[in-house]
Amino acid sequence: MNNPADILTTACRRGQENQLPYAGAVTPQEAYALLQAHPNAKLVDVRTNAERDWVGRVAVPEIRQAAVQWNLYPGGTANPDFMPQLTQVAGKDDVLLFLCRSGVRSRHAAKRATEEGYTQCFDILEGFEGDKDAEGHRKTVAGWCKAGLPWVGA
């Protein structure tokens, strides 16, 4: 399923089925396909700058992604400039694909952007690294990295 319309239909169906407060949710593979084929799709990485620097980042063209921290490092406090920063990098009708480490902050960011009038906000399920495995390691259970999608390490 690489057709952007089919991917978005599936993502919106997930949103309705799970009563999400934003348009829907995509798998990492679907997000990557949208970034390749949909002219208005943009990945919004809401992890901290430190996470992107130390853990890695998605390898897609800069024009197809933006970094807008949901929380700040150090301290983990909410980014008071989240919405103004998002406004600088995304249009209200862009297809916004929110990504964090495991899929928690991205859901909050998608909800907030929707509340502010962004019409096509999608959470990337599983996040960049996915949940921890039995030994407490990430990137082994699910997520962008586990799916074998392009990323660059720290």
N, C-alpha and C. Protein backbone atom coordinates (compact mmCIF):
# COMPACT_ATOMS: atom_id res chain seq x y z
N MET A 1 0.84 -1.18 0.00
CA MET A 1 0.00 0.00 0.00
C MET A 1 0.89 1.24 0.00
N ASN A 2 1.31 1.69 -1.17
CA ASN A 2 2.14 2.88 -1.26
C ASN A 2 1.38 4.08 -1.80
N ASN A 3 0.11 3.90 -2.13
CA ASN A 3 -0.70 4.99 -2.63
C ASN A 3 -1.04 5.92 -1.46
N PRO A 4 -0.65 7.19 -1.52
CA PRO A 4 -0.91 8.10 -0.40
C PRO A 4 -2.38 8.16 0.02
N ALA A 5 -3.30 8.15 -0.94
CA ALA A 5 -4.72 8.21 -0.60
C ALA A 5 -5.14 6.98 0.21
N ASP A 6 -4.66 5.80 -0.19
CA ASP A 6 -4.99 4.57 0.54
C ASP A 6 -4.40 4.59 1.95
N ILE A 7 -3.18 5.05 2.06
CA ILE A 7 -2.53 5.13 3.37
C ILE A 7 -3.31 6.06 4.29
N LEU A 8 -3.68 7.22 3.78
CA LEU A 8 -4.41 8.19 4.61
C LEU A 8 -5.80 7.67 4.98
N THR A 9 -6.45 6.94 4.06
CA THR A 9 -7.75 6.35 4.38
C THR A 9 -7.61 5.35 5.52
N THR A 10 -6.60 4.50 5.45
CA THR A 10 -6.34 3.52 6.51
C THR A 10 -6.02 4.23 7.83
N ALA A 11 -5.19 5.26 7.76
CA ALA A 11 -4.80 6.00 8.97
C ALA A 11 -6.00 6.67 9.61
N CYS A 12 -6.87 7.25 8.80
CA CYS A 12 -8.08 7.90 9.34
C CYS A 12 -9.03 6.88 9.94
N ARG A 13 -9.12 5.70 9.31
CA ARG A 13 -9.96 4.64 9.86
C ARG A 13 -9.44 4.24 11.24
N ARG A 14 -8.12 4.12 11.38
CA ARG A 14 -7.54 3.82 12.70
C ARG A 14 -7.94 4.89 13.71
N GLY A 15 -7.90 6.13 13.25
CA GLY A 15 -8.27 7.24 14.13
C GLY A 15 -9.71 7.13 14.60
N GLN A 16 -10.61 6.81 13.70
CA GLN A 16 -12.02 6.67 14.06
C GLN A 16 -12.24 5.48 14.97
N GLU A 17 -11.64 4.34 14.62
CA GLU A 17 -11.83 3.12 15.41
C GLU A 17 -11.32 3.29 16.84
N ASN A 18 -10.25 4.06 16.99
CA ASN A 18 -9.66 4.25 18.32
C ASN A 18 -10.07 5.57 18.97
N GLN A 19 -11.00 6.26 18.34
CA GLN A 19 -11.53 7.53 18.84
C GLN A 19 -10.40 8.50 19.19
N LEU A 20 -9.47 8.64 18.27
CA LEU A 20 -8.33 9.53 18.49
C LEU A 20 -8.76 10.98 18.33
N PRO A 21 -8.16 11.88 19.10
CA PRO A 21 -8.52 13.30 19.01
C PRO A 21 -7.76 14.05 17.91
N TYR A 22 -7.30 13.32 16.92
CA TYR A 22 -6.61 13.86 15.75
C TYR A 22 -6.95 12.96 14.58
N ALA A 23 -6.47 13.28 13.39
CA ALA A 23 -6.92 12.60 12.17
C ALA A 23 -6.71 11.10 12.17
N GLY A 24 -5.58 10.62 12.68
CA GLY A 24 -5.34 9.19 12.67
C GLY A 24 -3.92 8.81 13.02
N ALA A 25 -3.56 7.57 12.69
CA ALA A 25 -2.25 7.04 13.04
C ALA A 25 -1.71 6.21 11.88
N VAL A 26 -0.40 6.31 11.69
CA VAL A 26 0.29 5.58 10.62
C VAL A 26 1.39 4.71 11.22
N THR A 27 1.68 3.61 10.55
CA THR A 27 2.84 2.81 10.94
C THR A 27 4.09 3.54 10.46
N PRO A 28 5.25 3.18 10.96
CA PRO A 28 6.46 3.79 10.43
C PRO A 28 6.60 3.59 8.92
N GLN A 29 6.26 2.40 8.42
CA GLN A 29 6.37 2.14 6.99
C GLN A 29 5.42 3.03 6.20
N GLU A 30 4.21 3.23 6.69
CA GLU A 30 3.26 4.11 6.02
C GLU A 30 3.75 5.56 6.04
N ALA A 31 4.32 5.98 7.17
CA ALA A 31 4.85 7.34 7.26
C ALA A 31 5.95 7.54 6.22
N TYR A 32 6.83 6.58 6.11
CA TYR A 32 7.92 6.70 5.14
C TYR A 32 7.37 6.77 3.71
N ALA A 33 6.38 5.93 3.41
CA ALA A 33 5.77 5.95 2.07
C ALA A 33 5.12 7.31 1.80
N LEU A 34 4.45 7.88 2.78
CA LEU A 34 3.85 9.21 2.60
C LEU A 34 4.91 10.26 2.35
N LEU A 35 6.00 10.19 3.09
CA LEU A 35 7.08 11.16 2.91
C LEU A 35 7.70 11.05 1.51
N GLN A 36 7.64 9.87 0.92
CA GLN A 36 8.18 9.66 -0.42
C GLN A 36 7.21 10.14 -1.51
N ALA A 37 5.90 10.03 -1.25
CA ALA A 37 4.94 10.19 -2.34
C ALA A 37 3.95 11.35 -2.20
N HIS A 38 3.70 11.82 -1.00
CA HIS A 38 2.69 12.87 -0.81
C HIS A 38 3.38 14.23 -0.79
N PRO A 39 3.00 15.15 -1.67
CA PRO A 39 3.72 16.43 -1.76
C PRO A 39 3.64 17.31 -0.53
N ASN A 40 2.62 17.12 0.31
CA ASN A 40 2.46 17.98 1.49
C ASN A 40 2.70 17.24 2.81
N ALA A 41 3.32 16.07 2.75
CA ALA A 41 3.60 15.31 3.98
C ALA A 41 4.90 15.82 4.59
N LYS A 42 4.87 15.98 5.91
CA LYS A 42 6.05 16.44 6.63
C LYS A 42 6.14 15.69 7.96
N LEU A 43 7.32 15.15 8.24
CA LEU A 43 7.57 14.52 9.52
C LEU A 43 7.90 15.61 10.53
N VAL A 44 7.23 15.58 11.68
CA VAL A 44 7.51 16.53 12.76
C VAL A 44 8.07 15.72 13.92
N ASP A 45 9.38 15.80 14.11
CA ASP A 45 10.07 15.06 15.17
C ASP A 45 9.97 15.88 16.45
N VAL A 46 9.20 15.38 17.42
CA VAL A 46 8.96 16.13 18.65
C VAL A 46 9.88 15.71 19.80
N ARG A 47 10.87 14.86 19.49
CA ARG A 47 11.84 14.50 20.52
C ARG A 47 12.71 15.70 20.85
N THR A 48 13.45 15.61 21.94
CA THR A 48 14.35 16.71 22.30
C THR A 48 15.53 16.76 21.34
N ASN A 49 16.16 17.91 21.27
CA ASN A 49 17.36 18.04 20.44
C ASN A 49 18.41 17.03 20.89
N ALA A 50 18.51 16.82 22.20
CA ALA A 50 19.48 15.86 22.73
C ALA A 50 19.20 14.45 22.21
N GLU A 51 17.95 14.05 22.18
CA GLU A 51 17.61 12.71 21.67
C GLU A 51 18.03 12.57 20.21
N ARG A 52 17.73 13.57 19.42
CA ARG A 52 18.11 13.49 18.00
C ARG A 52 19.63 13.44 17.85
N ASP A 53 20.34 14.24 18.67
CA ASP A 53 21.80 14.28 18.59
C ASP A 53 22.45 12.99 19.11
N TRP A 54 21.91 12.41 20.17
CA TRP A 54 22.55 11.28 20.83
C TRP A 54 22.04 9.93 20.36
N VAL A 55 20.78 9.86 19.91
CA VAL A 55 20.19 8.58 19.55
C VAL A 55 20.13 8.39 18.04
N GLY A 56 19.84 9.44 17.33
CA GLY A 56 19.73 9.36 15.88
C GLY A 56 18.52 10.11 15.37
N ARG A 57 18.46 10.20 14.06
CA ARG A 57 17.34 10.91 13.43
C ARG A 57 16.95 10.24 12.14
N VAL A 58 15.73 10.53 11.73
CA VAL A 58 15.20 10.00 10.48
C VAL A 58 16.01 10.56 9.32
N ALA A 59 16.30 9.72 8.35
CA ALA A 59 17.06 10.15 7.18
C ALA A 59 16.11 10.34 5.99
N VAL A 60 15.47 11.49 5.98
CA VAL A 60 14.68 11.93 4.83
C VAL A 60 15.13 13.36 4.55
N PRO A 61 14.89 13.86 3.34
CA PRO A 61 15.35 15.21 3.03
C PRO A 61 14.86 16.24 4.05
N GLU A 62 15.72 17.21 4.34
CA GLU A 62 15.40 18.24 5.33
C GLU A 62 14.07 18.93 5.04
N ILE A 63 13.76 19.11 3.77
CA ILE A 63 12.52 19.79 3.41
C ILE A 63 11.29 18.99 3.82
N ARG A 64 11.45 17.70 4.07
CA ARG A 64 10.34 16.81 4.43
C ARG A 64 10.23 16.59 5.93
N GLN A 65 11.04 17.29 6.72
CA GLN A 65 10.96 17.09 8.17
C GLN A 65 11.26 18.37 8.91
N ALA A 66 10.80 18.41 10.15
CA ALA A 66 11.06 19.54 11.03
C ALA A 66 11.24 19.02 12.45
N ALA A 67 12.06 19.69 13.20
CA ALA A 67 12.28 19.35 14.61
C ALA A 67 11.59 20.41 15.45
N VAL A 68 10.58 19.99 16.21
CA VAL A 68 9.87 20.89 17.11
C VAL A 68 9.71 20.13 18.43
N GLN A 69 10.53 20.47 19.40
CA GLN A 69 10.53 19.74 20.67
C GLN A 69 9.19 19.89 21.41
N TRP A 70 8.67 18.78 21.90
CA TRP A 70 7.48 18.81 22.75
C TRP A 70 7.89 19.17 24.17
N ASN A 71 8.97 18.54 24.63
CA ASN A 71 9.56 18.84 25.94
C ASN A 71 10.98 19.34 25.72
N LEU A 72 11.49 20.05 26.70
CA LEU A 72 12.84 20.59 26.61
C LEU A 72 13.80 19.75 27.44
N TYR A 73 15.06 19.71 26.99
CA TYR A 73 16.12 19.01 27.73
C TYR A 73 17.16 20.05 28.12
N PRO A 74 17.68 19.99 29.33
CA PRO A 74 17.33 19.06 30.40
C PRO A 74 16.05 19.50 31.12
N GLY A 75 15.56 18.63 31.95
CA GLY A 75 14.42 18.95 32.79
C GLY A 75 13.10 18.38 32.33
N GLY A 76 12.91 18.21 31.04
CA GLY A 76 11.68 17.63 30.55
C GLY A 76 10.46 18.53 30.64
N THR A 77 10.67 19.82 30.82
CA THR A 77 9.53 20.73 30.90
C THR A 77 8.90 20.92 29.52
N ALA A 78 7.63 21.27 29.53
CA ALA A 78 6.92 21.49 28.27
C ALA A 78 7.55 22.65 27.52
N ASN A 79 7.62 22.52 26.22
CA ASN A 79 8.15 23.58 25.36
C ASN A 79 7.06 24.65 25.21
N PRO A 80 7.23 25.82 25.83
CA PRO A 80 6.19 26.85 25.74
C PRO A 80 6.03 27.41 24.32
N ASP A 81 7.01 27.19 23.47
CA ASP A 81 6.97 27.70 22.11
C ASP A 81 6.61 26.64 21.07
N PHE A 82 6.04 25.52 21.54
CA PHE A 82 5.73 24.44 20.61
C PHE A 82 4.86 24.92 19.44
N MET A 83 3.75 25.56 19.72
CA MET A 83 2.86 25.99 18.64
C MET A 83 3.47 27.07 17.75
N PRO A 84 4.08 28.12 18.30
CA PRO A 84 4.72 29.08 17.41
C PRO A 84 5.79 28.45 16.52
N GLN A 85 6.55 27.50 17.07
CA GLN A 85 7.58 26.84 16.27
C GLN A 85 6.95 25.96 15.19
N LEU A 86 5.86 25.26 15.52
CA LEU A 86 5.18 24.44 14.52
C LEU A 86 4.63 25.32 13.40
N THR A 87 4.08 26.45 13.76
CA THR A 87 3.53 27.38 12.77
C THR A 87 4.59 27.84 11.77
N GLN A 88 5.84 27.93 12.22
CA GLN A 88 6.93 28.36 11.34
C GLN A 88 7.32 27.29 10.31
N VAL A 89 7.01 26.04 10.58
CA VAL A 89 7.50 24.96 9.70
C VAL A 89 6.40 24.17 8.99
N ALA A 90 5.12 24.42 9.34
CA ALA A 90 4.04 23.60 8.76
C ALA A 90 2.80 24.44 8.51
N GLY A 91 2.12 24.11 7.43
CA GLY A 91 0.86 24.75 7.11
C GLY A 91 -0.30 24.00 7.72
N LYS A 92 -1.41 24.68 7.91
CA LYS A 92 -2.59 24.09 8.57
C LYS A 92 -3.14 22.87 7.83
N ASP A 93 -2.93 22.79 6.52
CA ASP A 93 -3.46 21.66 5.75
C ASP A 93 -2.39 20.66 5.32
N ASP A 94 -1.16 20.83 5.78
CA ASP A 94 -0.12 19.85 5.50
C ASP A 94 -0.47 18.53 6.20
N VAL A 95 0.02 17.44 5.65
CA VAL A 95 -0.10 16.13 6.30
C VAL A 95 1.07 16.05 7.27
N LEU A 96 0.77 16.17 8.56
CA LEU A 96 1.82 16.21 9.59
C LEU A 96 1.92 14.85 10.26
N LEU A 97 3.11 14.28 10.24
CA LEU A 97 3.40 12.96 10.80
C LEU A 97 4.27 13.16 12.02
N PHE A 98 3.67 13.07 13.21
CA PHE A 98 4.37 13.36 14.45
C PHE A 98 5.11 12.12 14.94
N LEU A 99 6.39 12.30 15.30
CA LEU A 99 7.26 11.21 15.73
C LEU A 99 7.95 11.56 17.05
N CYS A 100 7.98 10.59 17.96
CA CYS A 100 8.79 10.72 19.18
C CYS A 100 9.51 9.39 19.39
N ARG A 101 9.99 9.12 20.59
CA ARG A 101 10.75 7.89 20.83
C ARG A 101 9.88 6.65 20.72
N SER A 102 8.74 6.64 21.42
CA SER A 102 7.93 5.42 21.44
C SER A 102 6.46 5.65 21.13
N GLY A 103 6.07 6.87 20.81
CA GLY A 103 4.70 7.13 20.41
C GLY A 103 3.82 7.79 21.45
N VAL A 104 4.38 8.32 22.53
CA VAL A 104 3.57 8.98 23.55
C VAL A 104 3.52 10.48 23.32
N ARG A 105 4.66 11.13 23.27
CA ARG A 105 4.67 12.58 23.06
C ARG A 105 4.08 12.95 21.71
N SER A 106 4.28 12.11 20.71
CA SER A 106 3.75 12.40 19.38
C SER A 106 2.23 12.45 19.39
N ARG A 107 1.60 11.62 20.20
CA ARG A 107 0.13 11.66 20.32
C ARG A 107 -0.32 12.98 20.92
N HIS A 108 0.39 13.43 21.96
CA HIS A 108 0.04 14.71 22.58
C HIS A 108 0.23 15.86 21.59
N ALA A 109 1.31 15.81 20.83
CA ALA A 109 1.59 16.87 19.86
C ALA A 109 0.53 16.89 18.76
N ALA A 110 0.13 15.72 18.27
CA ALA A 110 -0.90 15.65 17.23
C ALA A 110 -2.22 16.21 17.75
N LYS A 111 -2.54 15.89 18.99
CA LYS A 111 -3.78 16.40 19.60
C LYS A 111 -3.72 17.93 19.72
N ARG A 112 -2.62 18.44 20.22
CA ARG A 112 -2.49 19.89 20.39
C ARG A 112 -2.57 20.61 19.05
N ALA A 113 -1.88 20.12 18.05
CA ALA A 113 -1.91 20.75 16.73
C ALA A 113 -3.32 20.73 16.16
N THR A 114 -4.04 19.63 16.35
CA THR A 114 -5.42 19.54 15.88
C THR A 114 -6.28 20.59 16.58
N GLU A 115 -6.11 20.73 17.87
CA GLU A 115 -6.86 21.74 18.63
C GLU A 115 -6.58 23.16 18.13
N GLU A 116 -5.41 23.35 17.55
CA GLU A 116 -5.03 24.68 17.03
C GLU A 116 -5.38 24.86 15.55
N GLY A 117 -6.13 23.91 14.98
CA GLY A 117 -6.63 24.08 13.62
C GLY A 117 -5.88 23.36 12.52
N TYR A 118 -4.88 22.56 12.87
CA TYR A 118 -4.20 21.74 11.86
C TYR A 118 -5.13 20.56 11.54
N THR A 119 -5.37 20.34 10.26
CA THR A 119 -6.44 19.42 9.87
C THR A 119 -6.01 17.99 9.60
N GLN A 120 -4.71 17.76 9.38
CA GLN A 120 -4.25 16.42 9.02
C GLN A 120 -3.07 16.00 9.89
N CYS A 121 -3.35 15.77 11.15
CA CYS A 121 -2.31 15.38 12.11
C CYS A 121 -2.38 13.88 12.36
N PHE A 122 -1.23 13.22 12.21
CA PHE A 122 -1.15 11.77 12.37
C PHE A 122 0.01 11.42 13.31
N ASP A 123 -0.26 10.50 14.19
CA ASP A 123 0.76 9.95 15.07
C ASP A 123 1.47 8.82 14.34
N ILE A 124 2.79 8.76 14.45
CA ILE A 124 3.52 7.61 13.92
C ILE A 124 3.60 6.57 15.03
N LEU A 125 2.85 5.50 14.85
CA LEU A 125 2.80 4.43 15.85
C LEU A 125 4.19 3.87 16.10
N GLU A 126 4.45 3.49 17.32
CA GLU A 126 5.70 2.84 17.74
C GLU A 126 6.88 3.80 17.88
N GLY A 127 6.82 4.99 17.28
CA GLY A 127 7.88 5.97 17.41
C GLY A 127 9.17 5.59 16.69
N PHE A 128 10.23 6.30 17.05
CA PHE A 128 11.53 6.10 16.43
C PHE A 128 12.20 4.82 16.92
N GLU A 129 12.15 4.59 18.25
CA GLU A 129 12.85 3.46 18.84
C GLU A 129 11.95 2.33 19.32
N GLY A 130 10.66 2.57 19.45
CA GLY A 130 9.74 1.55 19.94
C GLY A 130 9.87 1.34 21.44
N ASP A 131 9.07 0.42 21.94
CA ASP A 131 9.10 0.09 23.37
C ASP A 131 10.36 -0.67 23.74
N LYS A 132 10.59 -0.80 25.03
CA LYS A 132 11.75 -1.55 25.52
C LYS A 132 11.49 -3.06 25.41
N ASP A 133 12.56 -3.82 25.15
CA ASP A 133 12.44 -5.27 25.15
C ASP A 133 12.62 -5.78 26.58
N ALA A 134 12.67 -7.10 26.76
CA ALA A 134 12.76 -7.70 28.10
C ALA A 134 14.02 -7.27 28.86
N GLU A 135 15.08 -6.91 28.12
CA GLU A 135 16.31 -6.45 28.77
C GLU A 135 16.38 -4.94 28.93
N GLY A 136 15.32 -4.25 28.54
CA GLY A 136 15.29 -2.81 28.68
C GLY A 136 15.89 -2.03 27.52
N HIS A 137 16.14 -2.70 26.41
CA HIS A 137 16.71 -2.05 25.23
C HIS A 137 15.62 -1.64 24.26
N ARG A 138 15.87 -0.56 23.55
CA ARG A 138 14.95 -0.12 22.50
C ARG A 138 15.53 -0.49 21.13
N LYS A 139 14.76 -0.23 20.08
CA LYS A 139 15.12 -0.51 18.68
C LYS A 139 15.10 -2.00 18.36
N THR A 140 14.55 -2.82 19.24
CA THR A 140 14.52 -4.26 19.00
C THR A 140 13.10 -4.81 18.90
N VAL A 141 12.10 -4.06 19.35
CA VAL A 141 10.73 -4.56 19.39
C VAL A 141 9.89 -3.96 18.26
N ALA A 142 9.97 -2.67 18.10
CA ALA A 142 9.13 -1.98 17.11
C ALA A 142 9.75 -0.61 16.83
N GLY A 143 9.10 0.15 15.98
CA GLY A 143 9.53 1.51 15.70
C GLY A 143 10.22 1.67 14.36
N TRP A 144 10.52 2.93 14.05
CA TRP A 144 11.15 3.32 12.78
C TRP A 144 12.44 2.53 12.54
N CYS A 145 13.30 2.49 13.55
CA CYS A 145 14.61 1.82 13.40
C CYS A 145 14.43 0.32 13.19
N LYS A 146 13.61 -0.32 14.01
CA LYS A 146 13.37 -1.76 13.91
C LYS A 146 12.79 -2.13 12.54
N ALA A 147 11.99 -1.22 11.95
CA ALA A 147 11.37 -1.47 10.66
C ALA A 147 12.39 -1.40 9.51
N GLY A 148 13.61 -1.00 9.83
CA GLY A 148 14.65 -0.92 8.80
C GLY A 148 14.54 0.29 7.89
N LEU A 149 13.84 1.31 8.37
CA LEU A 149 13.69 2.53 7.58
C LEU A 149 14.93 3.40 7.75
N PRO A 150 15.20 4.31 6.82
CA PRO A 150 16.45 5.07 6.86
C PRO A 150 16.55 6.00 8.07
N TRP A 151 17.69 5.88 8.74
CA TRP A 151 18.00 6.78 9.85
C TRP A 151 19.49 6.89 9.97
N VAL A 152 19.93 7.94 10.61
CA VAL A 152 21.36 8.12 10.85
C VAL A 152 21.60 8.16 12.34
N GLY A 153 22.67 7.51 12.78
CA GLY A 153 23.00 7.44 14.19
C GLY A 153 23.71 8.69 14.65
N ALA A 154 23.92 8.72 15.92
CA ALA A 154 24.56 9.87 16.54
C ALA A 154 26.04 9.91 16.20
